[in-house]
Amino acid sequence: MSYLEFLGQYGDRILSGTLVTIVLTVLAAVLAVAIAVAAGLMRLSRNALIRGVATVYIEIFRGTSLLVQLYWIFFVLPLFGITLEKFTAGFVAVGMNLGAYGAELVRGAILSVPKGQWEAALALNMSPAKRMYRVILPQAVLIMLPPWGNLLIELLKGTALVSLIAVADLMFQVKQINGTTFLSAQSFGTALIIYYVLARFLLTPFMRWLERFMQRKLGRA
């Protein structure tokens, strides 16, 4: 079977898997960013309890395998009365894992904002919340965007693991196709190309555009 014939016969299944992967990536990214911002700010709290909760969360999710976390969320949580549908369990596991890594990016970016900016905001008699929202965070976002681009690419690749709990994403579809046709080069080669295209021509340009947008907003273009 030629490669064009392969695509003609299995293209629809590969396309449907790709769309599932894209949706998983978007949902996991939204969750990861929300968790990262919350945990990153909690890590900077003066309250030892709040700081401790964030630290425990970050250390657990950074220090254990994403695959183990996925299995825990899908297979073990039902034993405690918490049952998640497999698609939901998939993006929650990926989002929580990458959110732990992102939390340290948020914390580091906030601490990297020049001290003079903190002092200027304080001199304007801004409340702590307004100081963070209006002055510190916009500058921190610009600092953290480049490493976040790398993290989102890792998130995209991490979604491939959800195929192990039978979520019909791209990797699940190509494994199914390979299992019936034994056309490994065509099946996994196509998956490799699609993951590369998504990372190189969707995620990377989007993050670069976002970086330029934030530079213009801050008058640094």
N, C-alpha and C. Protein backbone atom coordinates (compact mmCIF):
# COMPACT_ATOMS: atom_id res chain seq x y z
N MET A 1 0.85 -1.20 0.00
CA MET A 1 0.00 0.00 0.00
C MET A 1 0.88 1.25 0.00
N SER A 2 0.63 2.16 -0.96
CA SER A 2 1.39 3.40 -1.00
C SER A 2 0.94 4.31 0.13
N TYR A 3 1.75 5.34 0.39
CA TYR A 3 1.42 6.26 1.49
C TYR A 3 0.15 7.04 1.17
N LEU A 4 -0.05 7.41 -0.09
CA LEU A 4 -1.26 8.13 -0.46
C LEU A 4 -2.50 7.25 -0.27
N GLU A 5 -2.38 5.98 -0.60
CA GLU A 5 -3.48 5.06 -0.38
C GLU A 5 -3.76 4.90 1.11
N PHE A 6 -2.68 4.86 1.89
CA PHE A 6 -2.82 4.77 3.34
C PHE A 6 -3.60 5.97 3.88
N LEU A 7 -3.23 7.18 3.43
CA LEU A 7 -3.92 8.38 3.88
C LEU A 7 -5.37 8.40 3.40
N GLY A 8 -5.58 7.92 2.18
CA GLY A 8 -6.94 7.89 1.67
C GLY A 8 -7.85 6.97 2.47
N GLN A 9 -7.30 5.88 2.94
CA GLN A 9 -8.10 4.90 3.66
C GLN A 9 -8.28 5.25 5.14
N TYR A 10 -7.22 5.79 5.75
CA TYR A 10 -7.26 6.03 7.20
C TYR A 10 -7.20 7.51 7.58
N GLY A 11 -7.25 8.37 6.58
CA GLY A 11 -7.14 9.81 6.84
C GLY A 11 -8.20 10.35 7.77
N ASP A 12 -9.44 9.86 7.62
CA ASP A 12 -10.53 10.36 8.46
C ASP A 12 -10.29 10.04 9.93
N ARG A 13 -9.82 8.83 10.21
CA ARG A 13 -9.55 8.44 11.59
C ARG A 13 -8.40 9.25 12.16
N ILE A 14 -7.38 9.47 11.36
CA ILE A 14 -6.23 10.26 11.81
C ILE A 14 -6.65 11.70 12.06
N LEU A 15 -7.49 12.24 11.19
CA LEU A 15 -7.97 13.61 11.36
C LEU A 15 -8.80 13.74 12.63
N SER A 16 -9.70 12.78 12.87
CA SER A 16 -10.52 12.84 14.08
C SER A 16 -9.64 12.76 15.33
N GLY A 17 -8.61 11.92 15.30
CA GLY A 17 -7.69 11.83 16.43
C GLY A 17 -6.91 13.12 16.63
N THR A 18 -6.54 13.75 15.52
CA THR A 18 -5.81 15.03 15.60
C THR A 18 -6.67 16.11 16.25
N LEU A 19 -7.95 16.15 15.87
CA LEU A 19 -8.85 17.13 16.46
C LEU A 19 -9.02 16.91 17.96
N VAL A 20 -9.11 15.65 18.37
CA VAL A 20 -9.20 15.33 19.80
C VAL A 20 -7.93 15.79 20.51
N THR A 21 -6.78 15.56 19.90
CA THR A 21 -5.50 15.99 20.48
C THR A 21 -5.45 17.51 20.64
N ILE A 22 -5.95 18.23 19.64
CA ILE A 22 -5.95 19.69 19.71
C ILE A 22 -6.84 20.18 20.85
N VAL A 23 -8.04 19.59 20.96
CA VAL A 23 -8.96 19.99 22.04
C VAL A 23 -8.35 19.66 23.40
N LEU A 24 -7.76 18.48 23.52
CA LEU A 24 -7.08 18.10 24.77
C LEU A 24 -5.99 19.10 25.12
N THR A 25 -5.21 19.49 24.12
CA THR A 25 -4.11 20.42 24.36
C THR A 25 -4.62 21.77 24.84
N VAL A 26 -5.67 22.27 24.19
CA VAL A 26 -6.22 23.57 24.57
C VAL A 26 -6.77 23.54 26.00
N LEU A 27 -7.57 22.52 26.32
CA LEU A 27 -8.15 22.43 27.65
C LEU A 27 -7.08 22.23 28.73
N ALA A 28 -6.11 21.37 28.43
CA ALA A 28 -5.03 21.14 29.40
C ALA A 28 -4.19 22.40 29.58
N ALA A 29 -3.99 23.16 28.50
CA ALA A 29 -3.21 24.40 28.60
C ALA A 29 -3.92 25.44 29.45
N VAL A 30 -5.23 25.58 29.26
CA VAL A 30 -6.01 26.53 30.08
C VAL A 30 -5.92 26.15 31.54
N LEU A 31 -6.10 24.87 31.83
CA LEU A 31 -6.01 24.40 33.22
C LEU A 31 -4.61 24.60 33.77
N ALA A 32 -3.59 24.30 32.97
CA ALA A 32 -2.20 24.43 33.43
C ALA A 32 -1.87 25.88 33.75
N VAL A 33 -2.30 26.81 32.91
CA VAL A 33 -2.02 28.24 33.14
C VAL A 33 -2.72 28.71 34.42
N ALA A 34 -3.99 28.32 34.58
CA ALA A 34 -4.73 28.73 35.78
C ALA A 34 -4.06 28.20 37.04
N ILE A 35 -3.67 26.93 37.03
CA ILE A 35 -3.02 26.33 38.19
C ILE A 35 -1.65 26.97 38.42
N ALA A 36 -0.92 27.22 37.35
CA ALA A 36 0.42 27.79 37.48
C ALA A 36 0.37 29.17 38.11
N VAL A 37 -0.55 30.00 37.66
CA VAL A 37 -0.67 31.35 38.23
C VAL A 37 -1.06 31.28 39.70
N ALA A 38 -2.06 30.45 40.01
CA ALA A 38 -2.51 30.33 41.40
C ALA A 38 -1.40 29.78 42.30
N ALA A 39 -0.78 28.67 41.88
CA ALA A 39 0.27 28.06 42.70
C ALA A 39 1.50 28.95 42.78
N GLY A 40 1.83 29.64 41.68
CA GLY A 40 2.99 30.54 41.70
C GLY A 40 2.80 31.69 42.67
N LEU A 41 1.60 32.26 42.69
CA LEU A 41 1.31 33.34 43.64
C LEU A 41 1.27 32.81 45.07
N MET A 42 0.73 31.61 45.24
CA MET A 42 0.69 31.01 46.58
C MET A 42 2.10 30.77 47.11
N ARG A 43 3.03 30.43 46.22
CA ARG A 43 4.42 30.20 46.63
C ARG A 43 5.07 31.49 47.13
N LEU A 44 4.52 32.63 46.74
CA LEU A 44 5.08 33.92 47.17
C LEU A 44 4.36 34.48 48.38
N SER A 45 3.35 33.76 48.86
CA SER A 45 2.57 34.24 50.00
C SER A 45 3.42 34.27 51.27
N ARG A 46 3.09 35.21 52.14
CA ARG A 46 3.76 35.29 53.44
C ARG A 46 3.17 34.29 54.43
N ASN A 47 2.00 33.76 54.09
CA ASN A 47 1.35 32.78 54.94
C ASN A 47 2.00 31.41 54.73
N ALA A 48 2.55 30.85 55.80
CA ALA A 48 3.29 29.59 55.69
C ALA A 48 2.41 28.44 55.23
N LEU A 49 1.14 28.42 55.65
CA LEU A 49 0.23 27.35 55.27
C LEU A 49 -0.06 27.39 53.77
N ILE A 50 -0.38 28.58 53.27
CA ILE A 50 -0.66 28.73 51.83
C ILE A 50 0.57 28.37 51.02
N ARG A 51 1.71 28.86 51.46
CA ARG A 51 2.97 28.56 50.76
C ARG A 51 3.27 27.07 50.81
N GLY A 52 2.97 26.44 51.95
CA GLY A 52 3.24 25.00 52.10
C GLY A 52 2.35 24.16 51.21
N VAL A 53 1.07 24.52 51.09
CA VAL A 53 0.14 23.77 50.23
C VAL A 53 0.64 23.80 48.78
N ALA A 54 1.03 24.99 48.32
CA ALA A 54 1.53 25.12 46.94
C ALA A 54 2.81 24.32 46.74
N THR A 55 3.68 24.35 47.73
CA THR A 55 4.95 23.63 47.62
C THR A 55 4.73 22.12 47.55
N VAL A 56 3.83 21.61 48.38
CA VAL A 56 3.54 20.17 48.36
C VAL A 56 2.97 19.76 47.01
N TYR A 57 2.03 20.55 46.52
CA TYR A 57 1.44 20.25 45.21
C TYR A 57 2.51 20.22 44.12
N ILE A 58 3.33 21.24 44.08
CA ILE A 58 4.36 21.34 43.04
C ILE A 58 5.34 20.19 43.13
N GLU A 59 5.79 19.87 44.32
CA GLU A 59 6.78 18.80 44.48
C GLU A 59 6.21 17.44 44.11
N ILE A 60 4.96 17.19 44.46
CA ILE A 60 4.34 15.90 44.13
C ILE A 60 4.19 15.74 42.61
N PHE A 61 3.66 16.77 41.96
CA PHE A 61 3.39 16.64 40.53
C PHE A 61 4.66 16.78 39.68
N ARG A 62 5.66 17.44 40.19
CA ARG A 62 6.93 17.49 39.44
C ARG A 62 7.77 16.25 39.71
N GLY A 63 7.59 15.66 40.86
CA GLY A 63 8.45 14.56 41.27
C GLY A 63 7.95 13.18 40.91
N THR A 64 6.74 13.09 40.34
CA THR A 64 6.20 11.79 39.95
C THR A 64 5.87 11.80 38.46
N SER A 65 5.73 10.60 37.91
CA SER A 65 5.50 10.44 36.48
C SER A 65 4.10 10.90 36.08
N LEU A 66 4.01 11.56 34.94
CA LEU A 66 2.71 11.95 34.40
C LEU A 66 1.84 10.72 34.15
N LEU A 67 2.45 9.64 33.71
CA LEU A 67 1.69 8.42 33.46
C LEU A 67 1.07 7.88 34.75
N VAL A 68 1.84 7.88 35.82
CA VAL A 68 1.32 7.41 37.11
C VAL A 68 0.19 8.33 37.58
N GLN A 69 0.36 9.62 37.40
CA GLN A 69 -0.69 10.57 37.79
C GLN A 69 -1.96 10.34 36.99
N LEU A 70 -1.80 10.06 35.69
CA LEU A 70 -2.95 9.78 34.84
C LEU A 70 -3.70 8.54 35.33
N TYR A 71 -2.95 7.49 35.66
CA TYR A 71 -3.58 6.27 36.15
C TYR A 71 -4.26 6.50 37.50
N TRP A 72 -3.63 7.30 38.36
CA TRP A 72 -4.24 7.60 39.65
C TRP A 72 -5.57 8.32 39.47
N ILE A 73 -5.57 9.34 38.62
CA ILE A 73 -6.79 10.13 38.43
C ILE A 73 -7.90 9.29 37.82
N PHE A 74 -7.56 8.40 36.87
CA PHE A 74 -8.58 7.64 36.18
C PHE A 74 -8.98 6.36 36.90
N PHE A 75 -8.00 5.66 37.47
CA PHE A 75 -8.29 4.35 38.06
C PHE A 75 -8.43 4.36 39.58
N VAL A 76 -7.70 5.24 40.27
CA VAL A 76 -7.68 5.20 41.74
C VAL A 76 -8.71 6.13 42.37
N LEU A 77 -8.89 7.33 41.80
CA LEU A 77 -9.86 8.26 42.38
C LEU A 77 -11.27 7.68 42.49
N PRO A 78 -11.72 6.84 41.54
CA PRO A 78 -13.06 6.23 41.72
C PRO A 78 -13.20 5.43 43.00
N LEU A 79 -12.08 4.91 43.52
CA LEU A 79 -12.14 4.18 44.79
C LEU A 79 -12.49 5.10 45.95
N PHE A 80 -12.27 6.41 45.76
CA PHE A 80 -12.59 7.40 46.79
C PHE A 80 -13.87 8.16 46.45
N GLY A 81 -14.61 7.65 45.47
CA GLY A 81 -15.88 8.26 45.11
C GLY A 81 -15.79 9.38 44.10
N ILE A 82 -14.62 9.56 43.47
CA ILE A 82 -14.46 10.62 42.47
C ILE A 82 -14.20 9.96 41.12
N THR A 83 -15.19 9.98 40.26
CA THR A 83 -15.07 9.33 38.96
C THR A 83 -15.09 10.38 37.85
N LEU A 84 -14.07 10.37 37.03
CA LEU A 84 -13.98 11.29 35.91
C LEU A 84 -14.06 10.51 34.60
N GLU A 85 -14.80 11.06 33.65
CA GLU A 85 -14.84 10.48 32.31
C GLU A 85 -13.43 10.50 31.72
N LYS A 86 -13.10 9.54 30.87
CA LYS A 86 -11.71 9.37 30.43
C LYS A 86 -11.14 10.59 29.74
N PHE A 87 -11.94 11.29 28.94
CA PHE A 87 -11.45 12.51 28.28
C PHE A 87 -11.12 13.57 29.33
N THR A 88 -12.01 13.74 30.29
CA THR A 88 -11.78 14.72 31.36
C THR A 88 -10.56 14.35 32.19
N ALA A 89 -10.45 13.07 32.55
CA ALA A 89 -9.28 12.62 33.31
C ALA A 89 -8.00 12.88 32.55
N GLY A 90 -8.04 12.75 31.23
CA GLY A 90 -6.85 12.96 30.41
C GLY A 90 -6.34 14.39 30.47
N PHE A 91 -7.21 15.36 30.19
CA PHE A 91 -6.71 16.74 30.18
C PHE A 91 -6.47 17.27 31.59
N VAL A 92 -7.20 16.75 32.58
CA VAL A 92 -6.94 17.17 33.97
C VAL A 92 -5.56 16.70 34.41
N ALA A 93 -5.20 15.46 34.10
CA ALA A 93 -3.89 14.94 34.49
C ALA A 93 -2.77 15.73 33.84
N VAL A 94 -2.88 15.96 32.54
CA VAL A 94 -1.84 16.70 31.82
C VAL A 94 -1.77 18.14 32.32
N GLY A 95 -2.93 18.76 32.51
CA GLY A 95 -2.96 20.15 32.98
C GLY A 95 -2.38 20.32 34.37
N MET A 96 -2.72 19.40 35.27
CA MET A 96 -2.20 19.49 36.64
C MET A 96 -0.69 19.25 36.67
N ASN A 97 -0.21 18.34 35.85
CA ASN A 97 1.22 18.06 35.81
C ASN A 97 2.00 19.26 35.29
N LEU A 98 1.59 19.79 34.14
CA LEU A 98 2.32 20.92 33.56
C LEU A 98 2.09 22.20 34.36
N GLY A 99 0.96 22.28 35.07
CA GLY A 99 0.71 23.44 35.92
C GLY A 99 1.73 23.53 37.04
N ALA A 100 2.18 22.38 37.54
CA ALA A 100 3.19 22.38 38.60
C ALA A 100 4.51 22.94 38.09
N TYR A 101 4.89 22.58 36.87
CA TYR A 101 6.11 23.13 36.28
C TYR A 101 5.93 24.63 36.01
N GLY A 102 4.74 24.98 35.50
CA GLY A 102 4.49 26.38 35.19
C GLY A 102 4.47 27.27 36.41
N ALA A 103 4.10 26.72 37.57
CA ALA A 103 4.05 27.52 38.80
C ALA A 103 5.41 28.11 39.13
N GLU A 104 6.46 27.32 38.90
CA GLU A 104 7.80 27.83 39.17
C GLU A 104 8.22 28.88 38.15
N LEU A 105 7.73 28.76 36.92
CA LEU A 105 7.99 29.80 35.93
C LEU A 105 7.32 31.11 36.34
N VAL A 106 6.08 31.01 36.83
CA VAL A 106 5.36 32.20 37.29
C VAL A 106 6.09 32.84 38.46
N ARG A 107 6.45 32.03 39.44
CA ARG A 107 7.15 32.56 40.62
C ARG A 107 8.47 33.22 40.22
N GLY A 108 9.24 32.55 39.38
CA GLY A 108 10.53 33.11 38.97
C GLY A 108 10.37 34.39 38.17
N ALA A 109 9.35 34.45 37.30
CA ALA A 109 9.14 35.66 36.50
C ALA A 109 8.74 36.84 37.37
N ILE A 110 7.87 36.59 38.35
CA ILE A 110 7.46 37.68 39.24
C ILE A 110 8.65 38.21 40.03
N LEU A 111 9.48 37.31 40.52
CA LEU A 111 10.66 37.74 41.28
C LEU A 111 11.69 38.42 40.39
N SER A 112 11.59 38.22 39.06
CA SER A 112 12.55 38.83 38.14
C SER A 112 12.18 40.26 37.76
N VAL A 113 10.97 40.68 38.08
CA VAL A 113 10.58 42.06 37.80
C VAL A 113 11.46 42.99 38.64
N PRO A 114 12.07 44.00 38.02
CA PRO A 114 12.99 44.88 38.76
C PRO A 114 12.38 45.45 40.04
N LYS A 115 13.21 45.54 41.05
CA LYS A 115 12.74 46.03 42.35
C LYS A 115 12.15 47.43 42.26
N GLY A 116 12.69 48.22 41.35
CA GLY A 116 12.19 49.60 41.19
C GLY A 116 10.72 49.65 40.81
N GLN A 117 10.24 48.64 40.08
CA GLN A 117 8.83 48.60 39.69
C GLN A 117 7.95 48.35 40.91
N TRP A 118 8.41 47.49 41.81
CA TRP A 118 7.67 47.25 43.05
C TRP A 118 7.61 48.54 43.89
N GLU A 119 8.75 49.21 43.96
CA GLU A 119 8.81 50.42 44.78
C GLU A 119 7.96 51.54 44.18
N ALA A 120 7.95 51.64 42.84
CA ALA A 120 7.14 52.67 42.19
C ALA A 120 5.66 52.44 42.45
N ALA A 121 5.23 51.17 42.34
CA ALA A 121 3.82 50.85 42.60
C ALA A 121 3.46 51.14 44.05
N LEU A 122 4.38 50.86 44.95
CA LEU A 122 4.14 51.13 46.37
C LEU A 122 4.05 52.63 46.62
N ALA A 123 4.89 53.39 45.92
CA ALA A 123 4.88 54.84 46.07
C ALA A 123 3.56 55.45 45.59
N LEU A 124 2.91 54.78 44.63
CA LEU A 124 1.61 55.25 44.13
C LEU A 124 0.46 54.84 45.04
N ASN A 125 0.81 54.21 46.17
CA ASN A 125 -0.18 53.80 47.17
C ASN A 125 -1.18 52.79 46.63
N MET A 126 -0.70 51.90 45.77
CA MET A 126 -1.57 50.85 45.25
C MET A 126 -1.72 49.75 46.30
N SER A 127 -2.89 49.12 46.30
CA SER A 127 -3.08 47.97 47.17
C SER A 127 -2.24 46.82 46.65
N PRO A 128 -1.91 45.82 47.50
CA PRO A 128 -1.11 44.69 47.03
C PRO A 128 -1.69 44.00 45.80
N ALA A 129 -3.03 43.81 45.80
CA ALA A 129 -3.66 43.14 44.66
C ALA A 129 -3.56 43.97 43.40
N LYS A 130 -3.82 45.26 43.51
CA LYS A 130 -3.74 46.14 42.34
C LYS A 130 -2.31 46.28 41.86
N ARG A 131 -1.39 46.30 42.81
CA ARG A 131 0.03 46.39 42.46
C ARG A 131 0.45 45.18 41.63
N MET A 132 0.00 44.01 42.05
CA MET A 132 0.34 42.79 41.34
C MET A 132 -0.32 42.75 39.97
N TYR A 133 -1.63 43.10 39.92
CA TYR A 133 -2.40 42.99 38.68
C TYR A 133 -2.00 44.04 37.65
N ARG A 134 -1.78 45.29 38.10
CA ARG A 134 -1.55 46.38 37.16
C ARG A 134 -0.09 46.59 36.79
N VAL A 135 0.82 46.25 37.69
CA VAL A 135 2.23 46.58 37.46
C VAL A 135 3.12 45.35 37.30
N ILE A 136 3.04 44.44 38.25
CA ILE A 136 4.01 43.33 38.29
C ILE A 136 3.67 42.23 37.28
N LEU A 137 2.44 41.74 37.29
CA LEU A 137 2.09 40.60 36.44
C LEU A 137 2.28 40.86 34.94
N PRO A 138 1.86 42.05 34.42
CA PRO A 138 2.08 42.27 32.98
C PRO A 138 3.55 42.15 32.58
N GLN A 139 4.45 42.66 33.43
CA GLN A 139 5.87 42.55 33.12
C GLN A 139 6.37 41.12 33.32
N ALA A 140 5.82 40.44 34.32
CA ALA A 140 6.21 39.05 34.55
C ALA A 140 5.76 38.15 33.41
N VAL A 141 4.59 38.44 32.84
CA VAL A 141 4.08 37.63 31.72
C VAL A 141 5.06 37.68 30.56
N LEU A 142 5.58 38.87 30.26
CA LEU A 142 6.54 39.01 29.16
C LEU A 142 7.80 38.20 29.43
N ILE A 143 8.22 38.15 30.68
CA ILE A 143 9.42 37.38 31.04
C ILE A 143 9.17 35.88 30.91
N MET A 144 7.97 35.44 31.28
CA MET A 144 7.72 33.99 31.33
C MET A 144 7.25 33.40 30.00
N LEU A 145 6.90 34.23 29.01
CA LEU A 145 6.35 33.70 27.77
C LEU A 145 7.30 32.76 27.02
N PRO A 146 8.59 33.08 26.84
CA PRO A 146 9.46 32.15 26.12
C PRO A 146 9.53 30.76 26.75
N PRO A 147 9.78 30.64 28.07
CA PRO A 147 9.77 29.28 28.64
C PRO A 147 8.39 28.63 28.62
N TRP A 148 7.33 29.42 28.65
CA TRP A 148 5.99 28.84 28.55
C TRP A 148 5.77 28.23 27.17
N GLY A 149 6.39 28.80 26.15
CA GLY A 149 6.29 28.21 24.83
C GLY A 149 6.84 26.79 24.82
N ASN A 150 7.99 26.60 25.45
CA ASN A 150 8.56 25.25 25.55
C ASN A 150 7.66 24.33 26.35
N LEU A 151 7.08 24.86 27.43
CA LEU A 151 6.24 24.04 28.29
C LEU A 151 4.98 23.58 27.57
N LEU A 152 4.41 24.45 26.74
CA LEU A 152 3.20 24.09 26.01
C LEU A 152 3.48 23.02 24.95
N ILE A 153 4.68 23.06 24.38
CA ILE A 153 5.05 22.00 23.44
C ILE A 153 5.17 20.67 24.19
N GLU A 154 5.75 20.71 25.39
CA GLU A 154 5.81 19.50 26.20
C GLU A 154 4.40 19.01 26.56
N LEU A 155 3.50 19.97 26.80
CA LEU A 155 2.12 19.61 27.11
C LEU A 155 1.47 18.91 25.93
N LEU A 156 1.69 19.44 24.73
CA LEU A 156 1.15 18.81 23.52
C LEU A 156 1.63 17.37 23.40
N LYS A 157 2.91 17.16 23.60
CA LYS A 157 3.45 15.80 23.49
C LYS A 157 2.95 14.92 24.63
N GLY A 158 2.72 15.51 25.80
CA GLY A 158 2.23 14.74 26.94
C GLY A 158 0.83 14.21 26.74
N THR A 159 0.05 14.88 25.87
CA THR A 159 -1.32 14.40 25.65
C THR A 159 -1.33 13.02 25.00
N ALA A 160 -0.22 12.60 24.40
CA ALA A 160 -0.18 11.28 23.76
C ALA A 160 -0.41 10.16 24.78
N LEU A 161 -0.12 10.42 26.04
CA LEU A 161 -0.29 9.38 27.07
C LEU A 161 -1.74 9.05 27.33
N VAL A 162 -2.66 9.97 26.99
CA VAL A 162 -4.06 9.69 27.31
C VAL A 162 -4.60 8.54 26.46
N SER A 163 -3.89 8.18 25.41
CA SER A 163 -4.31 7.01 24.61
C SER A 163 -4.29 5.74 25.46
N LEU A 164 -3.52 5.75 26.55
CA LEU A 164 -3.40 4.56 27.40
C LEU A 164 -4.65 4.33 28.25
N ILE A 165 -5.53 5.34 28.32
CA ILE A 165 -6.82 5.13 29.00
C ILE A 165 -7.95 5.18 27.96
N ALA A 166 -7.58 4.89 26.71
CA ALA A 166 -8.55 4.73 25.61
C ALA A 166 -9.23 6.02 25.18
N VAL A 167 -8.60 7.17 25.39
CA VAL A 167 -9.09 8.40 24.78
C VAL A 167 -8.70 8.37 23.31
N ALA A 168 -9.66 8.62 22.42
CA ALA A 168 -9.42 8.43 20.98
C ALA A 168 -8.68 9.62 20.37
N ASP A 169 -7.49 9.90 20.90
CA ASP A 169 -6.68 10.99 20.35
C ASP A 169 -5.86 10.47 19.18
N LEU A 170 -4.94 11.30 18.71
CA LEU A 170 -4.12 10.92 17.55
C LEU A 170 -3.33 9.65 17.80
N MET A 171 -2.67 9.55 18.95
CA MET A 171 -1.85 8.38 19.23
C MET A 171 -2.71 7.12 19.35
N PHE A 172 -3.88 7.22 19.94
CA PHE A 172 -4.77 6.07 20.04
C PHE A 172 -5.17 5.58 18.66
N GLN A 173 -5.51 6.51 17.78
CA GLN A 173 -5.94 6.13 16.43
C GLN A 173 -4.82 5.46 15.65
N VAL A 174 -3.61 6.02 15.70
CA VAL A 174 -2.53 5.42 14.91
C VAL A 174 -2.11 4.07 15.49
N LYS A 175 -2.23 3.90 16.81
CA LYS A 175 -1.94 2.58 17.38
C LYS A 175 -2.98 1.55 16.93
N GLN A 176 -4.23 1.98 16.86
CA GLN A 176 -5.27 1.09 16.39
C GLN A 176 -5.05 0.71 14.92
N ILE A 177 -4.70 1.71 14.13
CA ILE A 177 -4.45 1.45 12.71
C ILE A 177 -3.26 0.52 12.54
N ASN A 178 -2.21 0.79 13.29
CA ASN A 178 -1.02 -0.06 13.20
C ASN A 178 -1.32 -1.49 13.65
N GLY A 179 -2.19 -1.63 14.65
CA GLY A 179 -2.52 -2.95 15.16
C GLY A 179 -3.25 -3.82 14.16
N THR A 180 -3.97 -3.18 13.22
CA THR A 180 -4.72 -3.96 12.23
C THR A 180 -4.00 -4.07 10.89
N THR A 181 -3.11 -3.11 10.60
CA THR A 181 -2.44 -3.11 9.29
C THR A 181 -0.97 -3.47 9.37
N PHE A 182 -0.35 -3.30 10.54
CA PHE A 182 1.08 -3.50 10.75
C PHE A 182 1.93 -2.57 9.87
N LEU A 183 1.33 -1.45 9.46
CA LEU A 183 2.06 -0.44 8.68
C LEU A 183 2.64 0.57 9.66
N SER A 184 3.67 0.16 10.37
CA SER A 184 4.22 0.98 11.46
C SER A 184 4.82 2.28 10.94
N ALA A 185 5.57 2.21 9.85
CA ALA A 185 6.23 3.41 9.33
C ALA A 185 5.19 4.46 8.93
N GLN A 186 4.14 4.02 8.23
CA GLN A 186 3.11 4.96 7.80
C GLN A 186 2.32 5.50 8.99
N SER A 187 1.95 4.62 9.91
CA SER A 187 1.11 5.02 11.05
C SER A 187 1.84 6.00 11.96
N PHE A 188 2.99 5.56 12.49
CA PHE A 188 3.69 6.40 13.45
C PHE A 188 4.46 7.53 12.77
N GLY A 189 4.81 7.33 11.51
CA GLY A 189 5.42 8.44 10.77
C GLY A 189 4.45 9.58 10.58
N THR A 190 3.20 9.24 10.30
CA THR A 190 2.17 10.28 10.16
C THR A 190 1.95 11.01 11.48
N ALA A 191 1.91 10.25 12.58
CA ALA A 191 1.75 10.87 13.90
C ALA A 191 2.90 11.81 14.19
N LEU A 192 4.12 11.38 13.88
CA LEU A 192 5.30 12.21 14.12
C LEU A 192 5.19 13.53 13.36
N ILE A 193 4.78 13.45 12.09
CA ILE A 193 4.65 14.66 11.27
C ILE A 193 3.59 15.59 11.84
N ILE A 194 2.45 15.02 12.25
CA ILE A 194 1.35 15.85 12.75
C ILE A 194 1.75 16.54 14.06
N TYR A 195 2.38 15.82 14.97
CA TYR A 195 2.82 16.45 16.22
C TYR A 195 3.81 17.57 15.93
N TYR A 196 4.70 17.35 14.98
CA TYR A 196 5.68 18.39 14.63
C TYR A 196 4.97 19.62 14.04
N VAL A 197 4.03 19.38 13.14
CA VAL A 197 3.30 20.50 12.52
C VAL A 197 2.54 21.30 13.57
N LEU A 198 1.88 20.61 14.50
CA LEU A 198 1.13 21.30 15.55
C LEU A 198 2.05 22.15 16.42
N ALA A 199 3.22 21.60 16.76
CA ALA A 199 4.16 22.34 17.61
C ALA A 199 4.83 23.48 16.86
N ARG A 200 5.27 23.20 15.63
CA ARG A 200 6.08 24.17 14.88
C ARG A 200 5.25 25.26 14.22
N PHE A 201 4.07 24.91 13.72
CA PHE A 201 3.31 25.86 12.93
C PHE A 201 2.03 26.37 13.59
N LEU A 202 1.72 25.87 14.78
CA LEU A 202 0.59 26.40 15.52
C LEU A 202 1.04 26.98 16.87
N LEU A 203 1.61 26.15 17.72
CA LEU A 203 1.99 26.63 19.06
C LEU A 203 3.09 27.67 19.01
N THR A 204 4.15 27.38 18.28
CA THR A 204 5.29 28.31 18.26
C THR A 204 4.92 29.69 17.70
N PRO A 205 4.26 29.77 16.52
CA PRO A 205 3.85 31.10 16.03
C PRO A 205 2.91 31.83 16.98
N PHE A 206 1.99 31.07 17.62
CA PHE A 206 1.06 31.71 18.56
C PHE A 206 1.81 32.34 19.73
N MET A 207 2.78 31.62 20.29
CA MET A 207 3.53 32.15 21.42
C MET A 207 4.38 33.35 21.01
N ARG A 208 4.93 33.31 19.80
CA ARG A 208 5.71 34.46 19.33
C ARG A 208 4.82 35.68 19.11
N TRP A 209 3.61 35.44 18.56
CA TRP A 209 2.67 36.54 18.39
C TRP A 209 2.28 37.12 19.76
N LEU A 210 2.03 36.25 20.73
CA LEU A 210 1.65 36.70 22.06
C LEU A 210 2.77 37.51 22.70
N GLU A 211 4.01 37.09 22.47
CA GLU A 211 5.15 37.83 23.01
C GLU A 211 5.24 39.22 22.40
N ARG A 212 5.06 39.31 21.07
CA ARG A 212 5.09 40.63 20.42
C ARG A 212 3.93 41.49 20.90
N PHE A 213 2.76 40.88 21.11
CA PHE A 213 1.59 41.62 21.59
C PHE A 213 1.86 42.22 22.96
N MET A 214 2.44 41.42 23.87
CA MET A 214 2.75 41.92 25.21
C MET A 214 3.83 42.99 25.17
N GLN A 215 4.78 42.88 24.27
CA GLN A 215 5.80 43.91 24.13
C GLN A 215 5.18 45.23 23.71
N ARG A 216 4.23 45.17 22.77
CA ARG A 216 3.56 46.40 22.35
C ARG A 216 2.72 46.99 23.48
N LYS A 217 2.05 46.12 24.24
CA LYS A 217 1.22 46.59 25.35
C LYS A 217 2.07 47.31 26.40
N LEU A 218 3.29 46.84 26.57
CA LEU A 218 4.18 47.43 27.58
C LEU A 218 5.08 48.51 26.99
N GLY A 219 4.89 48.81 25.71
CA GLY A 219 5.69 49.85 25.06
C GLY A 219 7.12 49.46 24.83
N ARG A 220 7.39 48.16 24.63
CA ARG A 220 8.76 47.70 24.42
C ARG A 220 9.02 47.23 23.01
N ALA A 221 8.05 47.42 22.13
CA ALA A 221 8.21 46.95 20.75
C ALA A 221 9.24 47.81 20.01
